[in-house]
Amino acid sequence: MAQIRPNKAKAKLKAGGIVNAVGGLNDPDAVDAAGTLGMDAVWFEGEHGGVDFLDISDLARACDLWGMTSIVRVGFNNPNVIYRALDRGAQGIVVPHVNTRAEAEAVVDAAKFAPIGHRGMFTSRQGYGVPDYLKTANDQTLVIVLIEDIVAIRNLDDILKVDNIDVFLVAPSDLAQSMGHIGEIGHPDVQKVIDDAASRIVKAGRVVGHTASIDSVGSLVRKGFRFFLAGSGDWLARGAQQYLAAVQAAKK
């Protein structure tokens, strides 16, 4: 009898571990090529990038081959948008600009079947051949909300009361913009708000996430962050710089 595919990222978080997701691999072949790198999840960009519903099945399928969790960031907090991405095969959902408790509750309601929520009654390619899929899908569906506006910070204590959200990811760029510091994610006031939000999330017993780079991830781990989105573009840029430097050094 077929069983639902386990969600690696969700399991690691539940066990108290750290989850590393990579973004920028919006092609099944690229995901397949990255399968040996040891990442826990791949983040597919449906808000700012070109990933659409038609793409999700093949992207999720490539993740399944390597045991990585497929996560889709949707464009907005709408029930059909959320559960349609999950129906297409994503194991996780990311919803932007969640600013109130009611908005957080709406995410859960759309992402979870009854008795937790009211996700539309359908299956998913993750459920093919799984007779109890509708009963077990809630346990394997990863839910991430983005805390990326100063109004969300003000409402954070209420937002944190919403159950069945796996990660509260503090997104720095939009947060900086909402604070009047557009393009200045390193501004001391922005960093102070991020650190305070992280402390409150951790104190509430919830998981806090952030974008991360080679330079920043060590400090973030020490602050209690446990879910990280790393951009493949950062790695590509670093690799290119190292390669070109090696070429120049060889010419001397």
Protein backbone atom coordinates (compact mmCIF):
# COMPACT_ATOMS: atom_id res chain seq x y z
CA MET A 1 0.00 0.00 0.00
CA ALA A 2 1.38 3.41 -0.98
CA GLN A 3 2.16 5.88 1.79
CA ILE A 4 2.35 9.65 1.72
CA ARG A 5 5.85 10.95 1.05
CA PRO A 6 7.50 12.19 4.24
CA ASN A 7 8.22 15.90 4.47
CA LYS A 8 11.92 16.12 5.33
CA ALA A 9 11.89 19.80 6.28
CA LYS A 10 8.86 19.47 8.54
CA ALA A 11 10.34 16.42 10.26
CA LYS A 12 13.65 18.19 10.92
CA LEU A 13 11.93 21.22 12.41
CA LYS A 14 9.76 19.03 14.62
CA ALA A 15 12.90 17.30 15.89
CA GLY A 16 14.49 20.63 16.77
CA GLY A 17 16.83 20.74 13.79
CA ILE A 18 17.81 23.38 11.27
CA VAL A 19 16.34 23.40 7.77
CA ASN A 20 18.22 24.73 4.76
CA ALA A 21 16.23 25.63 1.66
CA VAL A 22 17.66 26.89 -1.61
CA GLY A 23 15.93 29.27 -3.96
CA GLY A 24 16.49 30.12 -7.59
CA LEU A 25 16.27 26.57 -8.98
CA ASN A 26 13.05 27.02 -10.90
CA ASP A 27 13.66 24.23 -13.42
CA PRO A 28 13.27 20.47 -12.78
CA ASP A 29 16.66 19.67 -14.31
CA ALA A 30 18.36 22.21 -12.05
CA VAL A 31 16.61 20.69 -9.04
CA ASP A 32 17.71 17.22 -10.13
CA ALA A 33 21.31 18.39 -10.54
CA ALA A 34 21.23 19.88 -7.05
CA GLY A 35 19.90 16.69 -5.51
CA THR A 36 23.29 15.56 -4.24
CA LEU A 37 24.10 18.83 -2.43
CA GLY A 38 22.40 17.88 0.82
CA MET A 39 19.79 20.65 0.96
CA ASP A 40 16.59 19.92 2.84
CA ALA A 41 14.22 21.84 0.61
CA VAL A 42 13.85 23.84 -2.58
CA TRP A 43 11.93 27.13 -2.52
CA PHE A 44 10.05 27.85 -5.76
CA GLU A 45 9.18 31.42 -6.51
CA GLY A 46 5.57 32.00 -7.45
CA GLU A 47 5.31 35.52 -6.09
CA HIS A 48 8.23 37.28 -7.76
CA GLY A 49 9.44 34.57 -10.14
CA GLY A 50 8.15 32.66 -13.14
CA VAL A 51 6.82 29.55 -11.38
CA ASP A 52 3.16 28.97 -12.18
CA PHE A 53 0.73 26.20 -11.30
CA LEU A 54 1.58 24.22 -14.45
CA ASP A 55 5.23 24.04 -13.35
CA ILE A 56 4.69 22.80 -9.81
CA SER A 57 4.14 19.10 -10.50
CA ASP A 58 7.46 18.59 -12.29
CA LEU A 59 9.35 20.76 -9.80
CA ALA A 60 7.88 18.82 -6.87
CA ARG A 61 8.53 15.54 -8.66
CA ALA A 62 12.23 16.41 -9.01
CA CYS A 63 12.37 17.17 -5.28
CA ASP A 64 10.68 13.86 -4.50
CA LEU A 65 13.43 11.97 -6.34
CA TRP A 66 16.01 13.30 -3.88
CA GLY A 67 13.89 13.45 -0.72
CA MET A 68 13.89 17.24 -0.67
CA THR A 69 10.82 19.19 0.41
CA SER A 70 9.15 21.22 -2.35
CA ILE A 71 8.06 24.65 -1.12
CA VAL A 72 6.12 27.17 -3.19
CA ARG A 73 5.80 30.84 -2.35
CA VAL A 74 2.44 31.96 -3.71
CA GLY A 75 1.58 35.48 -4.74
CA PHE A 76 -1.03 36.31 -2.15
CA ASN A 77 -3.15 35.02 0.71
CA ASN A 78 -6.08 33.45 -1.16
CA PRO A 79 -7.60 30.03 -0.38
CA ASN A 80 -7.64 28.77 -3.96
CA VAL A 81 -4.11 29.96 -4.64
CA ILE A 82 -2.86 28.18 -1.52
CA TYR A 83 -4.58 24.83 -1.87
CA ARG A 84 -4.15 24.73 -5.64
CA ALA A 85 -0.37 24.88 -5.19
CA LEU A 86 -0.62 22.01 -2.71
CA ASP A 87 -2.93 20.06 -5.03
CA ARG A 88 -0.29 20.38 -7.75
CA GLY A 89 2.20 18.59 -5.51
CA ALA A 90 4.01 21.10 -3.33
CA GLN A 91 4.79 19.79 0.15
CA GLY A 92 5.03 23.27 1.62
CA ILE A 93 3.45 26.66 1.12
CA VAL A 94 4.78 30.16 1.81
CA VAL A 95 2.34 33.05 2.08
CA PRO A 96 3.59 36.66 1.94
CA HIS A 97 2.54 39.72 3.92
CA VAL A 98 0.74 38.01 6.79
CA ASN A 99 0.05 40.98 9.02
CA THR A 100 -2.71 39.97 11.42
CA ARG A 101 -3.93 37.00 13.39
CA ALA A 102 -6.95 36.72 11.08
CA GLU A 103 -4.70 36.58 8.04
CA ALA A 104 -2.58 33.86 9.66
CA GLU A 105 -5.71 31.89 10.49
CA ALA A 106 -6.82 32.20 6.86
CA VAL A 107 -3.55 30.63 5.70
CA VAL A 108 -4.03 27.62 7.95
CA ASP A 109 -7.68 27.31 7.00
CA ALA A 110 -6.75 27.09 3.30
CA ALA A 111 -3.73 24.80 3.73
CA LYS A 112 -5.27 22.17 6.02
CA PHE A 113 -8.14 19.76 5.53
CA ALA A 114 -10.81 19.36 8.20
CA PRO A 115 -10.90 19.20 11.14
CA ILE A 116 -8.13 21.83 11.21
CA GLY A 117 -9.20 23.87 8.21
CA HIS A 118 -11.30 23.89 5.08
CA ARG A 119 -8.83 23.10 2.30
CA GLY A 120 -10.77 22.29 -0.87
CA MET A 121 -11.64 18.61 -1.03
CA PHE A 122 -9.37 17.22 -3.70
CA THR A 123 -6.28 15.09 -3.80
CA SER A 124 -2.76 15.96 -4.88
CA ARG A 125 -0.12 14.24 -6.90
CA GLN A 126 1.40 13.59 -3.47
CA GLY A 127 -1.74 11.60 -2.72
CA TYR A 128 -1.87 9.28 -5.72
CA GLY A 129 -2.27 5.72 -4.47
CA VAL A 130 -2.40 6.84 -0.83
CA PRO A 131 -5.78 5.67 0.49
CA ASP A 132 -5.69 7.76 3.66
CA TYR A 133 -4.24 10.89 2.05
CA LEU A 134 -7.04 13.19 3.20
CA LYS A 135 -6.49 12.06 6.79
CA THR A 136 -2.70 12.28 6.79
CA ALA A 137 -1.95 15.21 4.47
CA ASN A 138 -2.23 17.74 7.31
CA ASP A 139 0.67 16.05 9.11
CA GLN A 140 2.97 16.37 6.10
CA THR A 141 2.06 19.85 4.86
CA LEU A 142 4.56 22.57 5.77
CA VAL A 143 3.09 26.04 6.36
CA ILE A 144 5.28 29.15 6.34
CA VAL A 145 4.11 32.74 6.77
CA LEU A 146 6.18 35.80 6.00
CA ILE A 147 6.50 38.50 8.62
CA GLU A 148 7.62 41.30 6.35
CA ASP A 149 5.79 44.48 7.30
CA ILE A 150 6.13 46.63 10.39
CA VAL A 151 2.41 46.18 11.04
CA ALA A 152 3.04 42.44 11.34
CA ILE A 153 5.72 43.12 13.95
CA ARG A 154 3.20 45.15 15.93
CA ASN A 155 0.70 42.29 15.73
CA LEU A 156 3.27 39.54 16.18
CA ASP A 157 2.17 38.33 19.61
CA ASP A 158 -1.35 37.71 18.29
CA ILE A 159 -0.08 36.10 15.09
CA LEU A 160 2.04 33.70 17.14
CA LYS A 161 -1.09 32.37 18.84
CA VAL A 162 -2.18 30.70 15.59
CA ASP A 163 -1.49 26.97 15.61
CA ASN A 164 -0.36 24.78 12.68
CA ILE A 165 2.13 27.28 11.29
CA ASP A 166 5.57 25.70 11.06
CA VAL A 167 7.74 28.74 10.34
CA PHE A 168 7.44 32.49 10.89
CA LEU A 169 9.98 33.87 8.43
CA VAL A 170 11.09 37.44 9.04
CA ALA A 171 11.77 38.81 5.55
CA PRO A 172 14.20 41.75 5.72
CA SER A 173 13.74 43.62 2.43
CA ASP A 174 10.03 44.37 2.64
CA LEU A 175 10.35 44.98 6.36
CA ALA A 176 13.03 47.61 5.74
CA GLN A 177 10.84 49.23 3.10
CA SER A 178 7.85 49.34 5.45
CA MET A 179 10.06 51.06 8.03
CA GLY A 180 11.17 53.77 5.63
CA HIS A 181 14.60 52.23 4.98
CA ILE A 182 14.14 50.89 1.47
CA GLY A 183 17.19 48.93 0.31
CA GLU A 184 18.82 49.19 3.74
CA ILE A 185 18.30 45.82 5.37
CA GLY A 186 21.49 46.38 7.37
CA HIS A 187 20.18 49.58 8.94
CA PRO A 188 20.50 49.37 12.76
CA ASP A 189 16.79 50.06 13.27
CA VAL A 190 15.83 47.27 10.87
CA GLN A 191 18.24 44.82 12.45
CA LYS A 192 16.95 45.70 15.91
CA VAL A 193 13.38 44.93 14.84
CA ILE A 194 14.45 41.63 13.23
CA ASP A 195 16.35 40.54 16.34
CA ASP A 196 13.44 41.50 18.60
CA ALA A 197 10.97 39.60 16.40
CA ALA A 198 13.21 36.53 16.41
CA SER A 199 13.47 36.64 20.19
CA ARG A 200 9.69 36.86 20.57
CA ILE A 201 9.08 34.01 18.13
CA VAL A 202 11.58 31.74 19.86
CA LYS A 203 10.26 32.68 23.31
CA ALA A 204 6.78 31.66 22.13
CA GLY A 205 8.14 28.22 21.27
CA ARG A 206 7.75 28.72 17.54
CA VAL A 207 10.24 28.44 14.65
CA VAL A 208 11.75 31.60 13.20
CA GLY A 209 13.20 31.77 9.70
CA HIS A 210 15.25 34.20 7.65
CA THR A 211 17.07 34.61 4.38
CA ALA A 212 20.70 33.56 4.76
CA SER A 213 24.10 33.71 3.13
CA ILE A 214 27.47 32.17 3.89
CA ASP A 215 28.39 35.35 5.75
CA SER A 216 25.21 35.68 7.83
CA VAL A 217 24.07 32.17 8.67
CA GLY A 218 26.38 31.62 11.66
CA SER A 219 25.11 34.71 13.45
CA LEU A 220 21.50 33.80 12.64
CA VAL A 221 21.86 30.31 14.08
CA ARG A 222 23.24 31.78 17.30
CA LYS A 223 20.17 34.03 17.51
CA GLY A 224 17.83 31.06 17.33
CA PHE A 225 16.82 31.02 13.67
CA ARG A 226 16.15 27.48 12.41
CA PHE A 227 14.80 27.84 8.86
CA PHE A 228 16.97 29.40 6.19
CA LEU A 229 16.41 30.42 2.58
CA ALA A 230 19.69 30.64 0.69
CA GLY A 231 19.86 31.96 -2.84
CA SER A 232 21.67 29.89 -5.45
CA GLY A 233 22.65 33.17 -7.13
CA ASP A 234 24.87 34.02 -4.17
CA TRP A 235 26.70 30.71 -4.54
CA LEU A 236 27.02 31.17 -8.30
CA ALA A 237 28.48 34.65 -7.84
CA ARG A 238 30.99 33.43 -5.26
CA GLY A 239 31.99 30.46 -7.38
CA ALA A 240 32.46 32.67 -10.43
CA GLN A 241 34.59 35.12 -8.47
CA GLN A 242 36.79 32.33 -7.13
CA TYR A 243 37.12 30.77 -10.57
CA LEU A 244 38.05 34.03 -12.31
CA ALA A 245 40.50 34.87 -9.53
CA ALA A 246 42.14 31.47 -10.06
CA VAL A 247 42.44 32.18 -13.79
CA GLN A 248 44.02 35.56 -13.13
CA ALA A 249 46.43 34.06 -10.61
CA ALA A 250 47.49 31.40 -13.10
CA LYS A 251 48.34 34.05 -15.68
CA LYS A 252 50.87 35.77 -13.42
